[in-house]
Amino acid sequence: MELVSPVEGACVTIGDDPDTHVSFILKTSALYLRPPGICEDSVQCGQLLLWANDKLYHRSAKNVIDWDMSTVIHRYGEFVIRIEAVTDAGASILDANDKPLVVTRTITTAVLCGGST
């Protein structure tokens, strides 16, 4: 599993619209993303969990996760993002080396990021 965007250390412009979101784009292989309840006990099937600063914000069955910033109390600043693949039962999905499928990224959100997003 690879987190394609945003890149490590990116400043993401989110403006001041309370309904904005930050999109995380992932590449996966040999991982079947399905809504909860579909995978049952299939080992390489499940969902992605998006954590920001150790708080769970979103569960997704897609390779693009839209983090709804309206759910974040302090939405401007630095966030350590962790996205992990889990089974329907909540167990970590493992890679070929028996390590949990997890990607991390540190980003900063701001009203305006000096021309970069």
C-alpha atoms as a PDB file:
ATOM      1  CA  MET A   1       0.000   0.000   0.000  1.00  0.00           C
ATOM      2  CA  GLU A   2       1.377   3.405  -0.979  1.00  0.00           C
ATOM      3  CA  LEU A   3       0.122   6.870  -0.069  1.00  0.00           C
ATOM      4  CA  VAL A   4       0.503   8.841  -3.293  1.00  0.00           C
ATOM      5  CA  SER A   5      -0.899  12.208  -2.276  1.00  0.00           C
ATOM      6  CA  PRO A   6      -0.463  14.485  -0.446  1.00  0.00           C
ATOM      7  CA  VAL A   7       3.320  14.129  -0.202  1.00  0.00           C
ATOM      8  CA  GLU A   8       5.256  14.046   3.068  1.00  0.00           C
ATOM      9  CA  GLY A   9       5.472  17.509   4.647  1.00  0.00           C
ATOM     10  CA  ALA A  10       2.906  19.053   2.283  1.00  0.00           C
ATOM     11  CA  CYS A  11       1.005  22.169   3.195  1.00  0.00           C
ATOM     12  CA  VAL A  12      -2.596  21.676   2.115  1.00  0.00           C
ATOM     13  CA  THR A  13      -4.717  24.763   1.472  1.00  0.00           C
ATOM     14  CA  ILE A  14      -8.167  24.223   2.960  1.00  0.00           C
ATOM     15  CA  GLY A  15      -9.467  27.786   2.951  1.00  0.00           C
ATOM     16  CA  ASP A  16     -12.135  28.830   5.425  1.00  0.00           C
ATOM     17  CA  ASP A  17     -15.099  26.859   4.021  1.00  0.00           C
ATOM     18  CA  PRO A  18     -16.330  24.658   6.895  1.00  0.00           C
ATOM     19  CA  ASP A  19     -17.346  21.917   4.427  1.00  0.00           C
ATOM     20  CA  THR A  20     -13.909  21.444   2.867  1.00  0.00           C
ATOM     21  CA  HIS A  21     -12.023  18.155   2.808  1.00  0.00           C
ATOM     22  CA  VAL A  22      -8.514  16.812   2.275  1.00  0.00           C
ATOM     23  CA  SER A  23      -8.181  13.928  -0.189  1.00  0.00           C
ATOM     24  CA  PHE A  24      -5.697  11.115   0.395  1.00  0.00           C
ATOM     25  CA  ILE A  25      -4.921   9.010  -2.678  1.00  0.00           C
ATOM     26  CA  LEU A  26      -3.565   5.490  -2.195  1.00  0.00           C
ATOM     27  CA  LYS A  27      -2.282   2.717  -4.434  1.00  0.00           C
ATOM     28  CA  THR A  28      -3.001  -0.814  -3.319  1.00  0.00           C
ATOM     29  CA  SER A  29      -2.367  -4.272  -4.726  1.00  0.00           C
ATOM     30  CA  ALA A  30      -3.711  -7.628  -3.585  1.00  0.00           C
ATOM     31  CA  LEU A  31      -6.016  -5.765  -1.216  1.00  0.00           C
ATOM     32  CA  TYR A  32      -9.763  -5.857  -1.733  1.00  0.00           C
ATOM     33  CA  LEU A  33     -11.521  -2.804  -0.351  1.00  0.00           C
ATOM     34  CA  ARG A  34     -15.163  -3.486   0.443  1.00  0.00           C
ATOM     35  CA  PRO A  35     -17.799  -1.920   2.719  1.00  0.00           C
ATOM     36  CA  PRO A  36     -18.047  -3.341   6.250  1.00  0.00           C
ATOM     37  CA  GLY A  37     -19.841  -6.680   6.401  1.00  0.00           C
ATOM     38  CA  ILE A  38     -18.938  -7.838   2.880  1.00  0.00           C
ATOM     39  CA  CYS A  39     -15.545  -9.455   3.520  1.00  0.00           C
ATOM     40  CA  GLU A  40     -16.524 -11.610   6.511  1.00  0.00           C
ATOM     41  CA  ASP A  41     -13.357 -13.624   7.285  1.00  0.00           C
ATOM     42  CA  SER A  42     -11.491 -13.053   4.011  1.00  0.00           C
ATOM     43  CA  VAL A  43      -7.857 -12.219   4.910  1.00  0.00           C
ATOM     44  CA  GLN A  44      -6.920  -9.571   2.289  1.00  0.00           C
ATOM     45  CA  CYS A  45     -10.297  -7.831   2.296  1.00  0.00           C
ATOM     46  CA  GLY A  46     -11.471  -4.898   4.372  1.00  0.00           C
ATOM     47  CA  GLN A  47     -11.434  -1.147   4.771  1.00  0.00           C
ATOM     48  CA  LEU A  48      -8.996   1.693   5.319  1.00  0.00           C
ATOM     49  CA  LEU A  49      -9.007   3.666   8.559  1.00  0.00           C
ATOM     50  CA  LEU A  50      -7.786   7.261   8.544  1.00  0.00           C
ATOM     51  CA  TRP A  51      -6.307   8.522  11.796  1.00  0.00           C
ATOM     52  CA  ALA A  52      -5.079  12.080  12.394  1.00  0.00           C
ATOM     53  CA  ASN A  53      -3.013  12.782  15.513  1.00  0.00           C
ATOM     54  CA  ASP A  54      -4.180   9.416  16.914  1.00  0.00           C
ATOM     55  CA  LYS A  55      -7.890  10.138  16.481  1.00  0.00           C
ATOM     56  CA  LEU A  56      -9.959   7.992  14.119  1.00  0.00           C
ATOM     57  CA  TYR A  57     -11.763  10.183  11.593  1.00  0.00           C
ATOM     58  CA  HIS A  58     -12.822   8.020   8.683  1.00  0.00           C
ATOM     59  CA  ARG A  59     -13.413   4.462   7.445  1.00  0.00           C
ATOM     60  CA  SER A  60     -13.304   3.954   3.686  1.00  0.00           C
ATOM     61  CA  ALA A  61     -13.726   1.180   1.137  1.00  0.00           C
ATOM     62  CA  LYS A  62     -12.063   3.253  -1.607  1.00  0.00           C
ATOM     63  CA  ASN A  63      -8.499   4.168  -2.618  1.00  0.00           C
ATOM     64  CA  VAL A  64      -9.359   7.859  -2.245  1.00  0.00           C
ATOM     65  CA  ILE A  65     -10.207   8.955   1.269  1.00  0.00           C
ATOM     66  CA  ASP A  66     -11.839  12.349   1.694  1.00  0.00           C
ATOM     67  CA  TRP A  67     -11.175  13.635   5.204  1.00  0.00           C
ATOM     68  CA  ASP A  68     -14.070  15.918   6.137  1.00  0.00           C
ATOM     69  CA  MET A  69     -12.474  18.891   7.885  1.00  0.00           C
ATOM     70  CA  SER A  70     -15.799  19.959   9.426  1.00  0.00           C
ATOM     71  CA  THR A  71     -15.259  17.165  11.981  1.00  0.00           C
ATOM     72  CA  VAL A  72     -11.923  18.650  13.144  1.00  0.00           C
ATOM     73  CA  ILE A  73     -12.054  21.160  15.995  1.00  0.00           C
ATOM     74  CA  HIS A  74      -8.622  22.720  15.315  1.00  0.00           C
ATOM     75  CA  ARG A  75      -8.374  22.275  11.557  1.00  0.00           C
ATOM     76  CA  TYR A  76      -5.292  24.396  10.854  1.00  0.00           C
ATOM     77  CA  GLY A  77      -1.850  23.102  11.766  1.00  0.00           C
ATOM     78  CA  GLU A  78       0.274  19.972  11.625  1.00  0.00           C
ATOM     79  CA  PHE A  79      -1.298  16.519  11.477  1.00  0.00           C
ATOM     80  CA  VAL A  80       0.313  13.111  11.637  1.00  0.00           C
ATOM     81  CA  ILE A  81      -1.827  10.976   9.350  1.00  0.00           C
ATOM     82  CA  ARG A  82      -1.970   7.187   9.640  1.00  0.00           C
ATOM     83  CA  ILE A  83      -3.953   5.064   7.232  1.00  0.00           C
ATOM     84  CA  GLU A  84      -4.260   1.382   8.031  1.00  0.00           C
ATOM     85  CA  ALA A  85      -5.936  -1.536   6.306  1.00  0.00           C
ATOM     86  CA  VAL A  86      -8.193  -3.614   8.560  1.00  0.00           C
ATOM     87  CA  THR A  87     -10.546  -6.563   8.191  1.00  0.00           C
ATOM     88  CA  ASP A  88     -14.271  -6.422   8.930  1.00  0.00           C
ATOM     89  CA  ALA A  89     -13.406  -7.602  12.455  1.00  0.00           C
ATOM     90  CA  GLY A  90     -10.939  -4.709  12.881  1.00  0.00           C
ATOM     91  CA  ALA A  91      -7.771  -6.824  12.724  1.00  0.00           C
ATOM     92  CA  SER A  92      -4.781  -5.469  10.818  1.00  0.00           C
ATOM     93  CA  ILE A  93      -4.359  -6.733   7.271  1.00  0.00           C
ATOM     94  CA  LEU A  94      -0.776  -7.938   6.861  1.00  0.00           C
ATOM     95  CA  ASP A  95       1.657  -7.535   3.976  1.00  0.00           C
ATOM     96  CA  ALA A  96       3.859 -10.300   2.513  1.00  0.00           C
ATOM     97  CA  ASN A  97       6.302  -9.843   5.429  1.00  0.00           C
ATOM     98  CA  ASP A  98       3.548 -10.241   8.051  1.00  0.00           C
ATOM     99  CA  LYS A  99       3.671  -6.519   8.904  1.00  0.00           C
ATOM    100  CA  PRO A 100       0.463  -4.470   9.206  1.00  0.00           C
ATOM    101  CA  LEU A 101      -0.453  -2.502   6.072  1.00  0.00           C
ATOM    102  CA  VAL A 102      -0.005   1.037   7.388  1.00  0.00           C
ATOM    103  CA  VAL A 103       1.159   4.264   5.762  1.00  0.00           C
ATOM    104  CA  THR A 104       1.934   7.514   7.537  1.00  0.00           C
ATOM    105  CA  ARG A 105       2.327  11.082   6.458  1.00  0.00           C
ATOM    106  CA  THR A 106       2.809  14.436   8.175  1.00  0.00           C
ATOM    107  CA  ILE A 107       0.944  17.340   6.589  1.00  0.00           C
ATOM    108  CA  THR A 108       0.078  20.898   7.539  1.00  0.00           C
ATOM    109  CA  THR A 109      -3.278  22.483   6.793  1.00  0.00           C
ATOM    110  CA  ALA A 110      -3.698  26.228   6.372  1.00  0.00           C
ATOM    111  CA  VAL A 111      -6.153  28.775   5.039  1.00  0.00           C
ATOM    112  CA  LEU A 112      -3.600  29.460   2.276  1.00  0.00           C
ATOM    113  CA  CYS A 113      -0.243  27.763   1.733  1.00  0.00           C
ATOM    114  CA  GLY A 114       1.739  30.347  -0.179  1.00  0.00           C
ATOM    115  CA  GLY A 115       0.709  29.054  -3.604  1.00  0.00           C
ATOM    116  CA  SER A 116       1.249  25.296  -2.956  1.00  0.00           C
ATOM    117  CA  THR A 117      -1.317  22.696  -2.047  1.00  0.00           C
END
